[in-house]
């Protein structure tokens, strides 16, 4: 399951929550956490599974989604490298209520539930991190309700891209966003063609530049406040 353990350990040490752990705590995290490769389109986890680990994105891009009774896919969030998900379900000790799939080939970190709970009990900085994580996630999902009910597609795409730069949930996201127009469509709930039109609008506004293989963000605050 693991590919390059020394590199994987170094990436774990660079996570925002690991920086204030003790050497003993970090050693246990490194020993217990495993890496998994998930190909594009593959499931990181499935709805209905009992949660047994906290999930981090080492490299790649994943989405949290579900399906309506009519079969319509609803995307709740995209998670780039550096993001961690699933803490709420772990704390409630319940089955997962959503699917998580890879939008591209991704490397996933899995911290076992018992290690997660041990950190929660033994590390005050980790507990504070989780408090902030849950607060930021709540704000993100409240924003998504607004996106879905009040905003047009151009604005949804702008806010969707801006969300990927949340400094707590997704630290270290580069201004050259390695994301395809198809992936933007998945994350914003629009077709690839409509997402492409929205990107052209935002490019004309001087907020971003669509480059080969990615999107260069020129004005992050402008994206956050587009048509606000």
Protein backbone atom coordinates (compact mmCIF):
# COMPACT_ATOMS: atom_id res chain seq x y z
CA UNK A 1 0.00 0.00 0.00
CA UNK A 2 2.90 2.37 0.68
CA UNK A 3 5.25 3.55 -2.07
CA UNK A 4 7.99 5.76 -0.64
CA UNK A 5 7.81 5.64 3.15
CA UNK A 6 10.52 8.25 3.91
CA UNK A 7 8.89 10.76 1.56
CA UNK A 8 5.44 9.90 2.92
CA UNK A 9 6.65 10.52 6.50
CA UNK A 10 8.11 13.87 5.48
CA UNK A 11 4.82 14.91 3.91
CA UNK A 12 2.99 13.93 7.09
CA UNK A 13 5.33 16.10 9.15
CA UNK A 14 4.52 19.08 6.93
CA UNK A 15 0.76 18.93 7.56
CA UNK A 16 -0.71 21.86 9.45
CA UNK A 17 -1.85 19.71 12.39
CA UNK A 18 1.45 17.82 12.79
CA UNK A 19 3.62 20.87 13.43
CA UNK A 20 2.86 21.05 17.16
CA UNK A 21 2.88 17.34 17.96
CA UNK A 22 5.53 15.92 20.27
CA UNK A 23 8.19 13.59 18.89
CA UNK A 24 6.41 10.64 20.54
CA UNK A 25 3.07 11.59 19.03
CA UNK A 26 4.55 12.10 15.58
CA UNK A 27 6.36 8.76 15.74
CA UNK A 28 3.09 6.95 16.41
CA UNK A 29 1.33 8.83 13.61
CA UNK A 30 4.09 7.85 11.17
CA UNK A 31 4.02 4.22 12.31
CA UNK A 32 0.25 3.84 12.11
CA UNK A 33 -0.70 5.95 9.06
CA UNK A 34 -0.61 4.21 5.69
CA UNK A 35 -0.63 5.45 2.11
CA UNK A 36 -2.98 4.23 -0.62
CA UNK A 37 -3.03 4.91 -4.35
CA UNK A 38 -6.50 5.57 -5.80
CA UNK A 39 -6.76 5.86 -9.61
CA UNK A 40 -8.89 8.50 -11.32
CA UNK A 41 -12.56 7.60 -10.89
CA UNK A 42 -11.82 5.20 -8.05
CA UNK A 43 -13.47 5.25 -4.64
CA UNK A 44 -11.52 6.57 -1.68
CA UNK A 45 -14.46 5.45 0.46
CA UNK A 46 -18.11 4.62 -0.06
CA UNK A 47 -21.37 5.71 1.49
CA UNK A 48 -22.58 3.26 4.13
CA UNK A 49 -19.12 2.03 5.14
CA UNK A 50 -18.21 2.09 8.80
CA UNK A 51 -15.51 4.72 9.22
CA UNK A 52 -12.19 3.29 10.35
CA UNK A 53 -9.73 6.08 9.45
CA UNK A 54 -9.13 9.80 9.03
CA UNK A 55 -8.38 10.57 5.38
CA UNK A 56 -5.80 12.97 3.97
CA UNK A 57 -4.85 13.84 0.40
CA UNK A 58 -1.09 13.49 -0.07
CA UNK A 59 -1.27 14.25 -3.78
CA UNK A 60 -4.12 14.59 -6.25
CA UNK A 61 -7.72 15.82 -6.01
CA UNK A 62 -10.80 14.13 -4.59
CA UNK A 63 -14.46 15.07 -4.29
CA UNK A 64 -17.08 14.42 -1.63
CA UNK A 65 -20.37 13.63 -3.32
CA UNK A 66 -23.72 11.89 -3.04
CA UNK A 67 -26.66 10.95 -5.26
CA UNK A 68 -30.25 12.12 -5.08
CA UNK A 69 -33.07 9.52 -5.24
CA UNK A 70 -33.37 10.45 -8.93
CA UNK A 71 -29.72 9.58 -9.51
CA UNK A 72 -28.38 13.14 -9.75
CA UNK A 73 -24.85 13.52 -8.43
CA UNK A 74 -24.38 16.30 -5.87
CA UNK A 75 -20.83 17.42 -5.06
CA UNK A 76 -20.31 18.82 -1.56
CA UNK A 77 -16.62 19.72 -1.75
CA UNK A 78 -13.38 19.21 -3.60
CA UNK A 79 -10.31 18.39 -1.53
CA UNK A 80 -6.82 19.06 -2.98
CA UNK A 81 -3.46 17.93 -1.63
CA UNK A 82 -3.01 18.89 2.02
CA UNK A 83 -6.68 18.51 2.93
CA UNK A 84 -8.05 16.06 5.51
CA UNK A 85 -11.65 14.84 5.78
CA UNK A 86 -13.89 12.57 7.82
CA UNK A 87 -13.24 13.83 11.33
CA UNK A 88 -16.93 14.50 12.00
CA UNK A 89 -17.96 10.96 11.13
CA UNK A 90 -15.11 9.56 13.20
CA UNK A 91 -16.18 11.58 16.23
CA UNK A 92 -19.78 10.40 15.86
CA UNK A 93 -18.64 6.81 15.21
CA UNK A 94 -21.20 6.25 12.49
CA UNK A 95 -21.35 4.99 8.93
CA UNK A 96 -20.18 7.32 6.20
CA UNK A 97 -23.00 9.33 4.62
CA UNK A 98 -21.28 10.18 1.35
CA UNK A 99 -18.98 8.81 -1.33
CA UNK A 100 -15.46 10.11 -1.85
CA UNK A 101 -13.97 9.60 -5.30
CA UNK A 102 -10.71 10.57 -6.99
CA UNK A 103 -10.99 13.16 -9.76
CA UNK A 104 -7.46 12.23 -10.83
CA UNK A 105 -4.86 9.69 -9.75
CA UNK A 106 -4.39 10.43 -6.04
CA UNK A 107 -2.26 9.35 -3.10
CA UNK A 108 -4.32 9.03 0.06
CA UNK A 109 -3.19 8.90 3.70
CA UNK A 110 -5.26 6.86 6.16
CA UNK A 111 -4.82 7.39 9.89
CA UNK A 112 -6.56 4.60 11.88
CA UNK A 113 -9.44 5.63 14.10
CA UNK A 114 -7.66 4.50 17.28
CA UNK A 115 -4.66 6.73 16.45
CA UNK A 116 -6.95 9.67 15.67
CA UNK A 117 -8.78 9.28 18.99
CA UNK A 118 -5.49 8.88 20.86
CA UNK A 119 -4.23 12.18 19.39
CA UNK A 120 -7.49 13.85 20.32
CA UNK A 121 -7.06 12.70 23.93
CA UNK A 122 -3.34 13.40 24.23
CA UNK A 123 -2.70 16.58 22.20
CA UNK A 124 -4.32 19.91 23.03
CA UNK A 125 -2.97 21.53 19.82
CA UNK A 126 -4.52 18.72 17.77
CA UNK A 127 -7.86 19.22 19.54
CA UNK A 128 -7.70 22.93 18.76
CA UNK A 129 -6.91 22.14 15.14
CA UNK A 130 -9.98 19.91 14.90
CA UNK A 131 -12.16 22.61 16.45
CA UNK A 132 -11.01 25.03 13.75
CA UNK A 133 -11.36 22.34 11.08
CA UNK A 134 -14.99 21.66 11.99
CA UNK A 135 -15.76 25.39 12.15
CA UNK A 136 -14.23 26.01 8.73
CA UNK A 137 -16.04 23.00 7.27
CA UNK A 138 -19.35 24.29 8.64
CA UNK A 139 -18.74 27.65 6.99
CA UNK A 140 -17.86 25.91 3.74
CA UNK A 141 -21.08 23.92 3.65
CA UNK A 142 -23.23 26.91 4.59
CA UNK A 143 -21.60 28.69 1.66
CA UNK A 144 -22.44 25.76 -0.61
CA UNK A 145 -26.14 26.07 0.24
CA UNK A 146 -25.90 29.70 -0.86
CA UNK A 147 -24.05 28.69 -4.04
CA UNK A 148 -26.71 26.18 -5.00
CA UNK A 149 -29.75 28.33 -4.25
CA UNK A 150 -28.71 31.90 -4.97
CA UNK A 151 -25.77 32.07 -7.36
CA UNK A 152 -25.44 31.76 -11.12
CA UNK A 153 -22.93 29.37 -12.66
CA UNK A 154 -20.22 32.02 -13.25
CA UNK A 155 -20.29 32.97 -9.58
CA UNK A 156 -20.43 29.34 -8.43
CA UNK A 157 -17.27 28.60 -10.41
CA UNK A 158 -15.54 31.67 -8.93
CA UNK A 159 -16.43 30.71 -5.36
CA UNK A 160 -15.61 27.05 -5.99
CA UNK A 161 -12.06 27.96 -7.06
CA UNK A 162 -11.67 30.38 -4.15
CA UNK A 163 -12.69 27.67 -1.68
CA UNK A 164 -9.67 25.60 -2.66
CA UNK A 165 -7.48 28.29 -1.06
CA UNK A 166 -8.89 28.01 2.46
CA UNK A 167 -5.67 28.30 4.50
CA UNK A 168 -6.89 25.97 7.25
CA UNK A 169 -8.62 23.26 5.24
CA UNK A 170 -6.22 23.27 2.29
CA UNK A 171 -2.90 24.86 3.31
CA UNK A 172 -0.26 25.37 0.67
CA UNK A 173 -2.50 25.45 -2.40
CA UNK A 174 -0.44 26.99 -5.21
CA UNK A 175 -1.71 29.96 -7.23
CA UNK A 176 -1.17 27.85 -10.35
CA UNK A 177 -4.06 25.51 -9.68
CA UNK A 178 -3.49 22.14 -11.32
CA UNK A 179 -7.12 21.50 -12.19
CA UNK A 180 -8.87 20.71 -15.46
CA UNK A 181 -12.03 22.36 -16.77
CA UNK A 182 -13.77 19.01 -16.40
CA UNK A 183 -12.80 18.93 -12.71
CA UNK A 184 -14.02 22.52 -12.24
CA UNK A 185 -17.35 21.40 -13.68
CA UNK A 186 -17.60 18.46 -11.27
CA UNK A 187 -16.83 20.64 -8.25
CA UNK A 188 -19.19 23.49 -9.20
CA UNK A 189 -22.07 21.33 -10.39
CA UNK A 190 -21.83 22.46 -14.02
CA UNK A 191 -21.09 20.77 -17.32
CA UNK A 192 -17.56 20.99 -18.72
CA UNK A 193 -18.80 23.31 -21.45
CA UNK A 194 -20.60 25.62 -19.01
CA UNK A 195 -17.61 25.65 -16.65
CA UNK A 196 -15.42 26.62 -19.62
CA UNK A 197 -17.74 29.55 -20.38
CA UNK A 198 -17.59 30.67 -16.76
CA UNK A 199 -13.78 30.52 -16.78
CA UNK A 200 -13.75 32.71 -19.88
CA UNK A 201 -15.92 35.27 -18.06
CA UNK A 202 -13.61 35.25 -15.05
CA UNK A 203 -10.56 35.51 -17.30
CA UNK A 204 -12.01 38.60 -19.00
CA UNK A 205 -12.53 40.10 -15.54
CA UNK A 206 -8.80 39.67 -14.88
CA UNK A 207 -9.33 37.24 -12.00
CA UNK A 208 -7.55 34.25 -13.50
CA UNK A 209 -5.77 32.97 -16.58
CA UNK A 210 -6.52 29.59 -18.11
CA UNK A 211 -3.20 27.95 -18.95
CA UNK A 212 -2.37 24.59 -20.43
CA UNK A 213 -2.82 22.03 -17.67
CA UNK A 214 -4.12 24.43 -15.04
CA UNK A 215 -5.59 27.75 -13.97
CA UNK A 216 -3.41 30.61 -12.77
CA UNK A 217 -5.20 32.59 -10.05
CA UNK A 218 -4.52 36.32 -10.45
CA UNK A 219 -6.97 37.83 -7.95
CA UNK A 220 -8.08 35.50 -5.16
CA UNK A 221 -10.09 38.16 -3.31
CA UNK A 222 -11.76 39.05 -6.58
CA UNK A 223 -12.91 35.44 -6.96
CA UNK A 224 -14.18 35.36 -3.39
CA UNK A 225 -16.19 38.54 -3.92
CA UNK A 226 -17.24 38.06 -7.53
CA UNK A 227 -20.72 39.58 -7.91
CA UNK A 228 -21.06 39.76 -4.12
